[in-house]
Protein backbone atom coordinates (compact mmCIF):
# COMPACT_ATOMS: atom_id res chain seq x y z
CA MET A 1 -18.93 23.95 -19.82
CA GLY A 2 -22.41 23.18 -21.09
CA LYS A 3 -24.95 22.64 -18.34
CA CYS A 4 -23.78 24.35 -15.17
CA SER A 5 -25.12 25.27 -11.75
CA TYR A 6 -27.08 28.46 -11.27
CA ARG A 7 -26.84 30.92 -8.40
CA ASN A 8 -29.51 33.47 -7.56
CA ASN A 9 -27.96 36.93 -7.25
CA GLY A 10 -30.73 39.35 -6.30
CA GLY A 11 -33.17 37.86 -8.74
CA VAL A 12 -30.58 37.41 -11.48
CA PHE A 13 -29.41 33.86 -12.16
CA LEU A 14 -25.71 33.57 -12.91
CA ILE A 15 -24.26 30.54 -14.64
CA MET A 16 -21.60 28.96 -12.42
CA LYS A 17 -18.95 26.56 -13.59
CA ASN A 18 -17.93 23.81 -11.21
CA VAL A 19 -14.84 22.04 -9.92
CA VAL A 20 -14.91 19.08 -7.53
CA PHE A 21 -11.78 18.54 -5.45
CA TYR A 22 -11.27 15.15 -3.83
CA PHE A 23 -8.18 14.22 -1.79
CA GLU A 24 -7.03 10.77 -0.64
CA VAL A 25 -5.33 10.84 2.77
CA HIS A 26 -3.73 7.54 3.68
CA GLN A 27 -0.70 6.13 5.44
CA PRO A 28 -0.23 2.38 5.92
CA ARG A 29 1.16 0.53 8.91
CA ARG A 30 4.38 -0.53 7.20
CA LEU A 31 5.92 -3.86 8.13
CA ARG A 32 9.52 -4.08 9.26
CA ILE A 33 12.10 -6.35 7.71
CA TYR A 34 11.12 -9.69 9.25
CA ARG A 35 13.42 -12.69 8.84
CA MET A 36 12.56 -16.36 8.59
CA LYS A 37 14.58 -17.15 11.73
CA GLU A 38 12.17 -14.98 13.76
CA ILE A 39 9.15 -17.13 12.93
CA GLY A 40 7.65 -18.55 16.10
CA THR A 41 9.64 -16.25 18.39
CA ASN A 42 8.75 -12.67 17.46
CA HIS A 43 5.21 -11.43 16.77
CA ASP A 44 6.18 -7.76 16.44
CA TYR A 45 5.53 -7.01 12.77
CA PHE A 46 5.27 -3.24 12.36
CA TRP A 47 8.09 -0.84 11.54
CA GLU A 48 6.96 1.77 14.02
CA SER A 49 10.06 3.97 13.86
CA LYS A 50 9.68 4.29 10.10
CA ASN A 51 5.90 4.75 10.35
CA ARG A 52 6.36 7.55 12.88
CA GLU A 53 9.10 9.21 10.85
CA ILE A 54 7.09 9.22 7.63
CA PHE A 55 3.86 10.29 9.30
CA LEU A 56 5.41 13.21 11.17
CA ARG A 57 7.18 14.39 8.04
CA ALA A 58 3.95 14.28 6.02
CA ALA A 59 2.01 15.91 8.87
CA HIS A 60 4.23 18.98 9.03
CA ARG A 61 4.90 19.24 5.30
CA CYS A 62 1.38 18.49 4.09
CA TYR A 63 -1.51 17.59 6.40
CA ILE A 64 -1.36 20.54 8.80
CA PRO A 65 -0.31 23.42 6.52
CA THR A 66 -2.47 22.35 3.57
CA THR A 67 -5.62 21.89 5.64
CA LYS A 68 -5.11 25.25 7.32
CA LEU A 69 -4.70 26.82 3.89
CA LEU A 70 -7.92 25.22 2.62
CA THR A 71 -9.77 26.65 5.61
CA GLU A 72 -8.18 30.08 5.19
CA MET A 73 -8.95 30.28 1.47
CA GLY A 74 -12.45 28.82 1.72
CA ILE A 75 -11.72 25.87 -0.56
CA ASN A 76 -14.46 23.23 -0.72
CA ALA A 77 -13.16 19.66 -1.00
CA THR A 78 -14.10 16.06 -0.28
CA PHE A 79 -11.73 13.82 1.67
CA SER A 80 -11.23 10.18 2.45
CA LEU A 81 -9.16 9.60 5.59
CA SER A 82 -8.26 5.92 5.88
CA GLY A 83 -8.57 4.20 9.24
CA THR A 84 -4.85 3.41 9.28
CA PHE A 85 -4.13 7.10 8.68
CA LEU A 86 -6.44 8.14 11.53
CA GLU A 87 -4.88 5.57 13.88
CA GLN A 88 -1.44 7.02 13.30
CA ALA A 89 -2.65 10.60 13.55
CA LEU A 90 -4.09 9.87 16.98
CA GLU A 91 -0.88 8.16 18.05
CA TYR A 92 1.83 10.32 16.48
CA GLU A 93 0.36 13.80 15.92
CA PRO A 94 -3.17 14.44 17.26
CA SER A 95 -3.07 18.03 15.99
CA VAL A 96 -3.66 16.58 12.52
CA ILE A 97 -7.10 15.46 13.69
CA ASP A 98 -7.71 18.92 15.13
CA VAL A 99 -7.01 20.78 11.87
CA PHE A 100 -9.21 18.39 9.90
CA ARG A 101 -11.98 18.72 12.47
CA GLU A 102 -11.75 22.52 12.21
CA TYR A 103 -11.97 22.28 8.43
CA PHE A 104 -15.03 20.00 8.41
CA ASP A 105 -16.72 22.00 11.17
CA SER A 106 -16.38 25.09 8.96
CA GLY A 107 -18.80 23.50 6.48
CA LEU A 108 -16.27 23.63 3.63
CA GLY A 109 -15.52 19.92 3.46
CA GLU A 110 -17.18 16.57 3.00
CA LEU A 111 -15.92 13.30 4.48
CA MET A 112 -16.37 10.16 2.44
CA SER A 113 -15.91 6.53 3.38
CA GLU A 114 -13.68 3.69 2.21
CA THR A 115 -12.30 0.49 3.72
CA TYR A 116 -10.71 1.15 7.11
CA TYR A 117 -7.53 -0.72 6.13
CA HIS A 118 -7.26 0.66 2.57
CA SER A 119 -7.42 -2.95 1.44
CA LEU A 120 -8.28 -5.01 -1.62
CA ALA A 121 -11.14 -6.76 0.18
CA SER A 122 -13.59 -5.68 -2.54
CA LEU A 123 -11.77 -7.97 -4.98
CA TRP A 124 -12.15 -11.20 -3.06
CA ASP A 125 -14.70 -11.20 -0.21
CA ARG A 126 -17.93 -9.22 -0.04
CA ASP A 127 -18.52 -9.78 3.66
CA GLU A 128 -14.95 -8.83 4.57
CA PHE A 129 -15.29 -5.69 2.47
CA LEU A 130 -18.54 -4.71 4.17
CA GLU A 131 -17.08 -5.25 7.65
CA GLN A 132 -14.10 -3.03 6.87
CA VAL A 133 -16.37 -0.29 5.55
CA ARG A 134 -18.51 -0.46 8.69
CA GLU A 135 -15.34 -0.16 10.77
CA GLN A 136 -14.40 2.96 8.81
CA GLU A 137 -17.85 4.42 9.33
CA ALA A 138 -17.48 3.87 13.07
CA ILE A 139 -14.20 5.80 13.38
CA LEU A 140 -15.51 8.67 11.25
CA TRP A 141 -18.51 8.96 13.54
CA LYS A 142 -16.34 8.73 16.65
CA LEU A 143 -13.91 11.44 15.56
CA PHE A 144 -16.06 13.74 13.40
CA LYS A 145 -19.71 12.78 14.07
CA VAL A 146 -20.21 12.27 10.34
CA LYS A 147 -22.14 9.62 8.43
CA PRO A 148 -20.82 9.79 4.85
CA LYS A 149 -23.01 9.73 1.76
CA THR A 150 -20.09 9.27 -0.62
CA PHE A 151 -17.76 6.31 -1.10
CA ARG A 152 -14.41 5.79 -2.73
CA ASN A 153 -12.78 2.41 -2.83
CA THR A 154 -9.08 1.82 -2.24
CA GLU A 155 -7.09 3.59 -5.00
CA LEU A 156 -10.37 4.15 -6.86
CA ILE A 157 -10.68 0.43 -7.60
CA TYR A 158 -14.11 0.18 -9.18
CA SER A 159 -16.37 -2.25 -11.02
CA ASN A 160 -20.08 -2.96 -11.36
CA THR A 161 -19.80 -5.55 -8.59
CA ILE A 162 -18.08 -3.13 -6.20
CA ALA A 163 -20.71 -0.48 -6.93
CA GLU A 164 -23.38 -3.03 -6.03
CA TYR A 165 -21.67 -3.74 -2.70
CA VAL A 166 -21.50 0.00 -1.96
CA SER A 167 -25.11 0.57 -2.95
CA SER A 168 -26.21 -2.15 -0.51
CA LEU A 169 -24.61 -0.10 2.29
CA GLY A 170 -26.83 2.91 1.58
CA TYR A 171 -24.36 5.27 -0.09
CA ARG A 172 -25.44 7.84 -2.65
CA ASN A 173 -22.25 8.59 -4.59
CA ILE A 174 -19.15 6.72 -5.73
CA LEU A 175 -15.88 7.73 -7.40
CA ALA A 176 -13.99 6.04 -10.22
CA GLU A 177 -11.15 6.71 -12.63
CA GLY A 178 -11.94 8.20 -16.02
CA THR A 179 -9.86 5.64 -17.90
CA ASP A 180 -9.04 6.09 -21.57
CA GLN A 181 -11.53 3.37 -22.48
CA ILE A 182 -14.36 5.06 -20.56
CA VAL A 183 -13.44 8.57 -21.68
CA SER A 184 -13.42 7.49 -25.33
CA MET A 185 -17.21 7.21 -24.98
CA HIS A 186 -18.03 9.35 -21.92
CA SER A 187 -16.48 12.70 -21.02
CA PRO A 188 -15.29 12.69 -17.38
CA ASP A 189 -16.80 16.15 -16.96
CA TYR A 190 -20.37 14.98 -16.39
CA LEU A 191 -22.14 13.04 -13.67
CA TYR A 192 -23.13 9.47 -14.54
CA ARG A 193 -24.93 6.53 -12.95
CA SER A 194 -23.53 3.17 -11.93
CA THR A 195 -25.32 -0.05 -12.90
CA SER A 196 -26.62 -0.17 -9.31
CA GLY A 197 -27.97 3.39 -9.38
CA LEU A 198 -25.23 5.32 -7.56
CA ASN A 199 -24.13 8.76 -8.73
CA LEU A 200 -20.84 8.02 -10.51
CA PHE A 201 -18.08 10.65 -10.61
CA LEU A 202 -15.21 10.09 -13.05
CA ARG A 203 -11.78 11.52 -12.38
CA ASN A 204 -10.39 13.87 -15.02
CA TYR A 205 -6.95 12.31 -14.86
CA LYS A 206 -5.20 14.69 -17.25
CA LEU A 207 -6.10 17.84 -15.35
CA SER A 208 -5.56 16.08 -11.99
CA ASP A 209 -2.12 14.80 -12.99
CA ASP A 210 -1.09 18.23 -14.26
CA ILE A 211 -0.92 19.14 -10.57
CA SER A 212 0.01 15.79 -9.03
CA PHE A 213 2.84 14.76 -11.36
CA ARG A 214 3.73 17.58 -13.74
CA PHE A 215 3.59 20.68 -11.56
CA SER A 216 7.37 20.82 -10.89
CA ASN A 217 8.52 19.13 -14.10
CA TRP A 218 10.84 21.60 -15.82
CA GLY A 219 10.72 19.48 -18.98
CA TRP A 220 6.94 19.84 -19.30
CA ASN A 221 5.96 22.14 -22.16
CA GLU A 222 3.43 23.90 -19.89
CA PHE A 223 5.91 24.58 -17.09
CA PRO A 224 5.46 26.63 -14.97
CA LEU A 225 1.87 25.91 -14.03
CA THR A 226 0.36 29.08 -12.57
CA ALA A 227 -3.01 29.49 -10.89
CA ASP A 228 -4.36 31.77 -13.63
CA LYS A 229 -3.24 29.40 -16.41
CA TYR A 230 -4.81 26.40 -14.68
CA ALA A 231 -8.04 28.28 -13.96
CA ARG A 232 -8.20 29.17 -17.66
CA TRP A 233 -7.87 25.48 -18.58
CA LEU A 234 -10.72 24.63 -16.23
CA ASP A 235 -12.79 27.45 -17.65
CA ASN A 236 -12.29 26.06 -21.16
CA SER A 237 -13.05 22.47 -20.20
CA PRO A 238 -16.45 21.45 -21.60
CA GLY A 239 -19.03 19.76 -19.40
CA ASP A 240 -20.85 20.25 -16.09
CA LEU A 241 -17.94 19.81 -13.71
CA VAL A 242 -14.23 18.97 -13.58
CA ASN A 243 -13.37 16.22 -11.10
CA LEU A 244 -9.88 16.82 -9.72
CA PHE A 245 -8.94 13.80 -7.60
CA MET A 246 -5.44 13.35 -6.18
CA ASP A 247 -3.28 12.26 -3.24
CA TYR A 248 -3.31 14.91 -0.53
CA GLU A 249 0.45 14.49 -0.18
CA THR A 250 0.69 16.25 -3.55
CA PHE A 251 0.83 19.43 -1.49
CA GLY A 252 4.11 19.63 0.39
CA GLU A 253 5.35 16.04 -0.05
CA HIS A 254 5.22 14.97 -3.71
CA GLN A 255 5.46 18.63 -4.66
CA VAL A 256 7.53 20.25 -1.91
CA SER A 257 6.86 23.80 -0.79
CA GLU A 258 9.92 25.08 -2.68
CA THR A 259 8.17 24.26 -5.99
CA GLY A 260 5.58 26.94 -5.27
CA ILE A 261 2.75 24.45 -4.79
CA PHE A 262 1.32 26.31 -1.78
CA ASP A 263 1.31 29.63 -3.62
CA PHE A 264 -0.49 27.86 -6.46
CA LEU A 265 -3.10 26.51 -4.04
CA ARG A 266 -3.48 29.90 -2.36
CA TYR A 267 -4.14 31.79 -5.58
CA LEU A 268 -6.16 29.11 -7.40
CA PRO A 269 -9.48 29.87 -5.63
CA ILE A 270 -8.97 33.56 -6.33
CA GLU A 271 -8.53 32.85 -10.03
CA LEU A 272 -11.49 30.45 -10.04
CA ARG A 273 -13.78 33.06 -8.51
CA LYS A 274 -12.71 35.61 -11.11
CA ARG A 275 -14.11 33.23 -13.71
CA ASP A 276 -17.27 32.32 -11.75
CA ILE A 277 -16.00 28.76 -11.28
CA GLU A 278 -17.57 27.28 -8.18
CA MET A 279 -15.86 24.71 -5.96
CA LEU A 280 -18.18 21.91 -4.85
CA THR A 281 -17.98 18.85 -2.67
CA VAL A 282 -18.97 15.56 -4.27
CA ASP A 283 -22.36 15.37 -2.57
CA ALA A 284 -23.12 19.02 -3.33
CA ALA A 285 -22.43 18.33 -7.01
CA ALA A 286 -24.68 15.26 -6.86
CA SER A 287 -27.50 17.47 -5.57
CA LEU A 288 -27.11 19.86 -8.51
CA PHE A 289 -26.71 17.44 -11.38
CA GLY A 290 -28.73 14.42 -12.32
CA GLY A 291 -26.74 11.46 -13.53
CA ARG A 292 -26.63 11.10 -17.29
CA GLU A 293 -26.41 7.68 -18.87
CA MET A 294 -25.39 4.55 -17.02
CA ILE A 295 -21.79 3.36 -17.34
CA SER A 296 -20.98 -0.33 -17.04
CA VAL A 297 -17.52 -1.38 -15.82
CA PRO A 298 -17.46 -5.21 -15.69
CA ASP A 299 -13.73 -5.55 -14.84
CA PRO A 300 -11.96 -3.67 -12.02
CA ILE A 301 -10.24 -0.40 -12.87
CA SER A 302 -8.19 1.92 -10.64
CA TRP A 303 -6.37 5.26 -10.76
CA ALA A 304 -2.92 3.72 -10.32
CA ASP A 305 -0.11 3.70 -12.89
CA THR A 306 -0.59 3.81 -16.65
CA ASN A 307 -2.69 0.63 -16.99
CA ARG A 308 -5.26 1.90 -14.46
CA ASP A 309 -6.19 -1.61 -13.36
CA THR A 310 -5.24 -3.87 -10.42
CA SER A 311 -1.78 -4.80 -11.75
CA PRO A 312 0.11 -2.46 -9.37
CA TRP A 313 -0.94 -4.82 -6.54
CA LEU A 314 -1.51 -8.13 -8.32
CA GLY A 315 0.64 -7.86 -11.41
CA ASN A 316 3.43 -10.33 -10.66
CA GLY A 317 3.83 -13.79 -9.15
CA MET A 318 5.07 -12.54 -5.78
CA GLN A 319 2.06 -10.29 -5.32
CA LYS A 320 -0.40 -12.98 -6.36
CA GLU A 321 1.16 -15.54 -4.02
CA ALA A 322 1.22 -13.12 -1.10
CA PHE A 323 -2.40 -12.11 -1.72
CA SER A 324 -3.50 -15.75 -1.92
CA GLU A 325 -1.65 -16.77 1.25
CA MET A 326 -3.14 -13.85 3.17
CA GLN A 327 -6.66 -14.97 2.23
CA LYS A 328 -6.00 -18.48 3.59
CA LEU A 329 -5.55 -16.97 7.08
CA ALA A 330 -9.13 -15.66 7.32
CA ASP A 331 -10.00 -18.08 10.12
CA ASN A 332 -7.90 -16.47 12.84
CA ARG A 333 -7.99 -15.08 16.40
CA ASN A 334 -6.68 -11.61 15.61
CA LYS A 335 -8.89 -9.98 12.98
CA GLN A 336 -7.49 -6.47 13.46
CA LEU A 337 -3.90 -7.55 12.89
CA TRP A 338 -4.88 -9.72 9.92
CA ARG A 339 -6.72 -6.78 8.38
CA HIS A 340 -3.67 -4.56 8.79
CA LEU A 341 -1.83 -7.19 6.76
CA GLN A 342 -4.37 -6.60 3.97
CA THR A 343 -3.37 -2.96 3.41
CA SER A 344 -2.81 -2.53 -0.32
CA ASP A 345 0.52 -0.71 0.08
CA LEU A 346 2.13 -3.90 1.36
CA LEU A 347 1.47 -5.52 -2.02
CA TYR A 348 2.38 -2.36 -3.92
CA TYR A 349 5.88 -2.49 -2.40
CA MET A 350 6.33 -5.85 -4.19
CA SER A 351 5.71 -4.37 -7.64
CA THR A 352 8.60 -4.84 -10.04
CA GLY A 353 7.49 -2.09 -12.44
CA MET A 354 8.66 1.51 -12.23
CA SER A 355 5.94 3.85 -13.41
CA SER A 356 5.74 7.57 -12.73
CA ASP A 357 3.37 6.78 -9.83
CA GLN A 358 5.92 4.47 -8.24
CA ILE A 359 8.75 6.96 -8.66
CA VAL A 360 6.72 9.63 -6.86
CA HIS A 361 5.84 7.25 -4.03
CA GLU A 362 9.28 5.69 -3.75
CA TYR A 363 10.27 7.73 -0.70
CA PHE A 364 7.27 6.28 1.15
CA ASN A 365 8.64 2.77 0.44
CA PRO A 366 10.92 1.60 3.29
CA TYR A 367 12.23 -1.51 1.51
CA LYS A 368 15.37 -1.84 -0.58
CA SER A 369 13.65 -3.96 -3.20
CA PRO A 370 10.29 -5.64 -3.93
CA TYR A 371 11.92 -8.97 -3.06
CA TYR A 372 12.72 -7.85 0.50
CA ALA A 373 9.13 -6.68 0.83
CA PHE A 374 7.87 -10.06 -0.39
CA LEU A 375 10.16 -12.17 1.81
CA SER A 376 9.35 -10.15 4.93
CA TYR A 377 5.62 -10.31 4.23
CA MET A 378 5.63 -14.06 3.65
CA ALA A 379 7.64 -14.67 6.83
CA ILE A 380 5.13 -12.57 8.78
CA LEU A 381 2.22 -14.50 7.30
CA GLU A 382 3.83 -17.76 8.39
CA ASP A 383 4.35 -16.49 11.92
CA PHE A 384 0.78 -15.19 11.98
CA ARG A 385 -0.51 -18.56 10.84
CA ARG A 386 1.30 -20.37 13.65
CA GLU A 387 0.33 -17.86 16.32
CA TYR A 388 -3.24 -16.89 15.49
CA CYS A 389 -4.88 -19.39 13.15
CA LYS A 390 -7.15 -22.11 14.45
CA THR A 391 -6.07 -24.73 11.97
CA PRO A 392 -2.47 -25.95 11.55
């Protein structure tokens, strides 16, 4: 893997290869089906029965067993826990907070920051973005007594401008997708620098998606994916480090336990250690490796769908109209509720495409069609405007 970390072993320096695990942990506050006739009479927007059902299912299939397994197996990883996820954990299943706290207290994990509401604020309002990040920092300090050094934006949405915003907040590291365009000139297996000086980590999307999307695919020519096979691939990957970034729900939800995903996760660190492959958090990797050349990303990219841009949220007329109408309500008397209405998932449910990402996430989507999602959202915005906005 080229330049690697070195460990002192009784005076002998051993070359160590490196893997960086990062997991996104997020659940939105989904909106219920809201009808036009309710405008002006009903200000109850959230689908709490569905939110509770989905959260509890994910908690007992993924969040609790996977985090316990990481602790048991000594797996180092970096996490982002969105504010809306933490809210629901506190309300629906506080033991989720407990297992994460135990994991971070063990010294194995790193907590990073994002926008509290997992929003697209970075695309339209710098001050709104900064306020949401500060709100996220506050809840991480309250629950875990952590001040993060690393930042990931919603769905890895990244550009030079966003990196500048993040740098102004005092962060050291930032994550982005290793898109085909970037990777054609820069291997994702090295540490780079943003135009604003941040350490820039690029996701190795092929090796990440081998777990996230292809693990249980019987039609895949590499099926079944075993821990020793995957460790061998990592061992043969050139570079300083392999950045494996994925949804945490990969373990137990997207890939259910019957697929063998937990056995894979249990044996993977054993196979990595056999090959002297070290697991690092993002900030630990930043301390070992100096950023290579600077990478400029003038237009926003993301890790979503095949285009890896912002089209999953702003790709059709419904999404653009909904996003625009939400912005017009900025002058309001209920900032917290308005910010919940900014959660990116609410726009994602209006997407009319059907990529592999959307198929995997479909069971988290409570709406029958993107048109129901759009109509409900627009009706809620109209009720919000009448109830909470200062101008008619």
